[in-house]
Amino acid sequence: MDRAKALTKRVEADFEKNTGSVDAVYRLIHGRSPSEEETRAAETFLDQSDGNQSDLSPWELYCQALLASNEFMYIR
């Protein structure tokens, strides 16, 4: 959770729009740009998460999911 919060701060400090931030976080975590489908999924998640019941922000939840992703956990 601490890493997700730190990553969120880093990305939010550099970008204001979701699209630029999604690209930035993918480059940091996966070393590549997101596909169009991944970008759409991220934007949908971030837009729909405004009323979440969590103590975490939508971006913190999103970064946590990316950090727990299979692609991040294992080197190809």
N, C-alpha and C. Protein backbone atom coordinates (compact mmCIF):
# COMPACT_ATOMS: atom_id res chain seq x y z
N MET A 1 0.81 -1.19 0.00
CA MET A 1 0.00 0.00 0.00
C MET A 1 0.86 1.26 0.00
N ASP A 2 1.96 1.19 0.74
CA ASP A 2 2.85 2.35 0.76
C ASP A 2 3.43 2.64 -0.62
N ARG A 3 3.79 1.59 -1.34
CA ARG A 3 4.33 1.77 -2.70
C ARG A 3 3.27 2.32 -3.64
N ALA A 4 2.04 1.87 -3.51
CA ALA A 4 0.95 2.37 -4.35
C ALA A 4 0.71 3.86 -4.06
N LYS A 5 0.76 4.24 -2.81
CA LYS A 5 0.59 5.65 -2.45
C LYS A 5 1.74 6.50 -2.98
N ALA A 6 2.96 6.00 -2.87
CA ALA A 6 4.13 6.75 -3.36
C ALA A 6 4.08 6.88 -4.88
N LEU A 7 3.70 5.82 -5.57
CA LEU A 7 3.58 5.86 -7.02
C LEU A 7 2.51 6.84 -7.45
N THR A 8 1.40 6.85 -6.74
CA THR A 8 0.32 7.80 -7.03
C THR A 8 0.81 9.23 -6.91
N LYS A 9 1.52 9.54 -5.86
CA LYS A 9 2.05 10.89 -5.67
C LYS A 9 3.00 11.27 -6.80
N ARG A 10 3.84 10.34 -7.19
CA ARG A 10 4.79 10.61 -8.27
C ARG A 10 4.07 10.90 -9.58
N VAL A 11 3.08 10.10 -9.91
CA VAL A 11 2.36 10.27 -11.17
C VAL A 11 1.48 11.52 -11.13
N GLU A 12 0.78 11.75 -10.04
CA GLU A 12 -0.11 12.91 -9.95
C GLU A 12 0.68 14.22 -9.94
N ALA A 13 1.89 14.20 -9.48
CA ALA A 13 2.72 15.41 -9.47
C ALA A 13 3.11 15.83 -10.87
N ASP A 14 3.22 14.87 -11.77
CA ASP A 14 3.68 15.16 -13.11
C ASP A 14 2.57 15.37 -14.14
N PHE A 15 1.38 14.78 -13.90
CA PHE A 15 0.32 14.83 -14.89
C PHE A 15 -1.02 15.16 -14.25
N GLU A 16 -1.85 15.88 -15.00
CA GLU A 16 -3.17 16.22 -14.48
C GLU A 16 -4.27 15.41 -15.14
N LYS A 17 -4.13 15.05 -16.40
CA LYS A 17 -5.15 14.27 -17.10
C LYS A 17 -4.92 12.79 -16.89
N ASN A 18 -6.01 12.02 -16.85
CA ASN A 18 -5.90 10.57 -16.68
C ASN A 18 -5.05 9.93 -17.77
N THR A 19 -5.25 10.32 -19.02
CA THR A 19 -4.55 9.66 -20.12
C THR A 19 -3.04 9.77 -19.98
N GLY A 20 -2.53 10.96 -19.72
CA GLY A 20 -1.09 11.12 -19.53
C GLY A 20 -0.59 10.38 -18.32
N SER A 21 -1.38 10.35 -17.28
CA SER A 21 -0.99 9.65 -16.07
C SER A 21 -0.98 8.15 -16.26
N VAL A 22 -1.97 7.64 -17.00
CA VAL A 22 -2.02 6.20 -17.26
C VAL A 22 -0.78 5.79 -18.05
N ASP A 23 -0.43 6.56 -19.05
CA ASP A 23 0.76 6.27 -19.84
C ASP A 23 2.01 6.31 -18.95
N ALA A 24 2.10 7.31 -18.10
CA ALA A 24 3.27 7.45 -17.23
C ALA A 24 3.40 6.28 -16.26
N VAL A 25 2.30 5.87 -15.66
CA VAL A 25 2.37 4.79 -14.68
C VAL A 25 2.70 3.46 -15.38
N TYR A 26 2.19 3.25 -16.58
CA TYR A 26 2.55 2.05 -17.32
C TYR A 26 4.03 2.05 -17.68
N ARG A 27 4.56 3.19 -18.07
CA ARG A 27 5.99 3.25 -18.40
C ARG A 27 6.85 2.97 -17.16
N LEU A 28 6.43 3.48 -16.02
CA LEU A 28 7.19 3.25 -14.79
C LEU A 28 7.12 1.79 -14.34
N ILE A 29 5.94 1.20 -14.42
CA ILE A 29 5.76 -0.15 -13.89
C ILE A 29 6.14 -1.23 -14.90
N HIS A 30 5.68 -1.07 -16.14
CA HIS A 30 5.87 -2.13 -17.13
C HIS A 30 6.93 -1.81 -18.18
N GLY A 31 7.43 -0.58 -18.20
CA GLY A 31 8.45 -0.22 -19.18
C GLY A 31 7.91 -0.12 -20.59
N ARG A 32 6.61 0.13 -20.71
CA ARG A 32 5.96 0.25 -22.02
C ARG A 32 4.73 1.14 -21.90
N SER A 33 4.24 1.57 -23.04
CA SER A 33 2.98 2.32 -23.06
C SER A 33 1.82 1.34 -22.98
N PRO A 34 0.69 1.77 -22.43
CA PRO A 34 -0.48 0.90 -22.39
C PRO A 34 -1.11 0.78 -23.77
N SER A 35 -1.78 -0.32 -24.00
CA SER A 35 -2.54 -0.48 -25.24
C SER A 35 -3.77 0.43 -25.15
N GLU A 36 -4.45 0.60 -26.27
CA GLU A 36 -5.68 1.41 -26.25
C GLU A 36 -6.70 0.80 -25.30
N GLU A 37 -6.80 -0.51 -25.31
CA GLU A 37 -7.75 -1.20 -24.42
C GLU A 37 -7.38 -0.97 -22.95
N GLU A 38 -6.11 -1.04 -22.62
CA GLU A 38 -5.66 -0.80 -21.24
C GLU A 38 -5.92 0.63 -20.82
N THR A 39 -5.72 1.57 -21.74
CA THR A 39 -5.98 2.98 -21.43
C THR A 39 -7.47 3.20 -21.17
N ARG A 40 -8.32 2.63 -22.03
CA ARG A 40 -9.77 2.77 -21.84
C ARG A 40 -10.21 2.15 -20.52
N ALA A 41 -9.68 0.97 -20.21
CA ALA A 41 -10.04 0.31 -18.96
C ALA A 41 -9.61 1.14 -17.75
N ALA A 42 -8.44 1.72 -17.83
CA ALA A 42 -7.95 2.57 -16.73
C ALA A 42 -8.83 3.80 -16.56
N GLU A 43 -9.14 4.47 -17.66
CA GLU A 43 -9.97 5.67 -17.59
C GLU A 43 -11.35 5.35 -17.05
N THR A 44 -11.92 4.23 -17.47
CA THR A 44 -13.24 3.81 -16.98
C THR A 44 -13.17 3.55 -15.48
N PHE A 45 -12.16 2.82 -15.05
CA PHE A 45 -12.00 2.53 -13.63
C PHE A 45 -11.85 3.82 -12.82
N LEU A 46 -10.98 4.70 -13.27
CA LEU A 46 -10.73 5.94 -12.53
C LEU A 46 -11.95 6.84 -12.49
N ASP A 47 -12.72 6.88 -13.56
CA ASP A 47 -13.94 7.69 -13.60
C ASP A 47 -15.04 7.12 -12.73
N GLN A 48 -15.15 5.80 -12.65
CA GLN A 48 -16.21 5.15 -11.89
C GLN A 48 -15.86 4.97 -10.42
N SER A 49 -14.65 5.25 -10.04
CA SER A 49 -14.21 5.02 -8.67
C SER A 49 -14.39 6.22 -7.76
N ASP A 50 -15.05 7.26 -8.25
CA ASP A 50 -15.20 8.47 -7.43
C ASP A 50 -15.95 8.21 -6.13
N GLY A 51 -16.90 7.32 -6.13
CA GLY A 51 -17.67 7.05 -4.92
C GLY A 51 -17.27 5.77 -4.22
N ASN A 52 -15.98 5.41 -4.32
CA ASN A 52 -15.55 4.13 -3.72
C ASN A 52 -15.65 4.17 -2.21
N GLN A 53 -15.78 3.01 -1.63
CA GLN A 53 -15.93 2.87 -0.18
C GLN A 53 -14.59 2.68 0.53
N SER A 54 -13.53 2.78 -0.19
CA SER A 54 -12.19 2.56 0.35
C SER A 54 -11.61 3.85 0.91
N ASP A 55 -10.64 3.70 1.80
CA ASP A 55 -9.91 4.86 2.31
C ASP A 55 -8.88 5.34 1.29
N LEU A 56 -8.68 4.57 0.24
CA LEU A 56 -7.70 4.90 -0.78
C LEU A 56 -8.37 5.65 -1.92
N SER A 57 -7.59 6.51 -2.57
CA SER A 57 -8.09 7.24 -3.73
C SER A 57 -8.19 6.28 -4.92
N PRO A 58 -8.96 6.67 -5.95
CA PRO A 58 -9.02 5.82 -7.15
C PRO A 58 -7.63 5.54 -7.73
N TRP A 59 -6.76 6.55 -7.73
CA TRP A 59 -5.41 6.34 -8.27
C TRP A 59 -4.60 5.38 -7.40
N GLU A 60 -4.76 5.47 -6.09
CA GLU A 60 -4.04 4.53 -5.21
C GLU A 60 -4.51 3.10 -5.45
N LEU A 61 -5.82 2.92 -5.63
CA LEU A 61 -6.35 1.59 -5.92
C LEU A 61 -5.84 1.08 -7.26
N TYR A 62 -5.81 1.96 -8.26
CA TYR A 62 -5.33 1.58 -9.59
C TYR A 62 -3.85 1.20 -9.55
N CYS A 63 -3.05 2.01 -8.89
CA CYS A 63 -1.61 1.71 -8.79
C CYS A 63 -1.38 0.42 -8.02
N GLN A 64 -2.18 0.16 -7.00
CA GLN A 64 -2.06 -1.08 -6.25
C GLN A 64 -2.34 -2.28 -7.17
N ALA A 65 -3.37 -2.16 -8.00
CA ALA A 65 -3.70 -3.25 -8.92
C ALA A 65 -2.57 -3.49 -9.92
N LEU A 66 -1.98 -2.43 -10.43
CA LEU A 66 -0.87 -2.59 -11.38
C LEU A 66 0.35 -3.22 -10.71
N LEU A 67 0.63 -2.82 -9.48
CA LEU A 67 1.76 -3.39 -8.77
C LEU A 67 1.54 -4.86 -8.43
N ALA A 68 0.30 -5.28 -8.36
CA ALA A 68 -0.02 -6.69 -8.07
C ALA A 68 -0.25 -7.50 -9.34
N SER A 69 -0.10 -6.86 -10.50
CA SER A 69 -0.37 -7.55 -11.77
C SER A 69 0.68 -8.61 -12.06
N ASN A 70 0.26 -9.60 -12.80
CA ASN A 70 1.14 -10.69 -13.20
C ASN A 70 2.33 -10.15 -14.01
N GLU A 71 2.08 -9.20 -14.88
CA GLU A 71 3.14 -8.64 -15.72
C GLU A 71 4.23 -7.98 -14.88
N PHE A 72 3.85 -7.36 -13.78
CA PHE A 72 4.83 -6.70 -12.91
C PHE A 72 5.58 -7.73 -12.05
N MET A 73 4.88 -8.76 -11.64
CA MET A 73 5.45 -9.73 -10.70
C MET A 73 6.49 -10.66 -11.33
N TYR A 74 6.35 -10.91 -12.63
CA TYR A 74 7.22 -11.88 -13.28
C TYR A 74 7.92 -11.28 -14.47
N ILE A 75 9.19 -11.53 -14.59
CA ILE A 75 9.97 -11.10 -15.73
C ILE A 75 9.72 -12.09 -16.86
N ARG A 76 9.48 -11.55 -18.03
CA ARG A 76 9.24 -12.45 -19.18
C ARG A 76 10.54 -12.99 -19.69
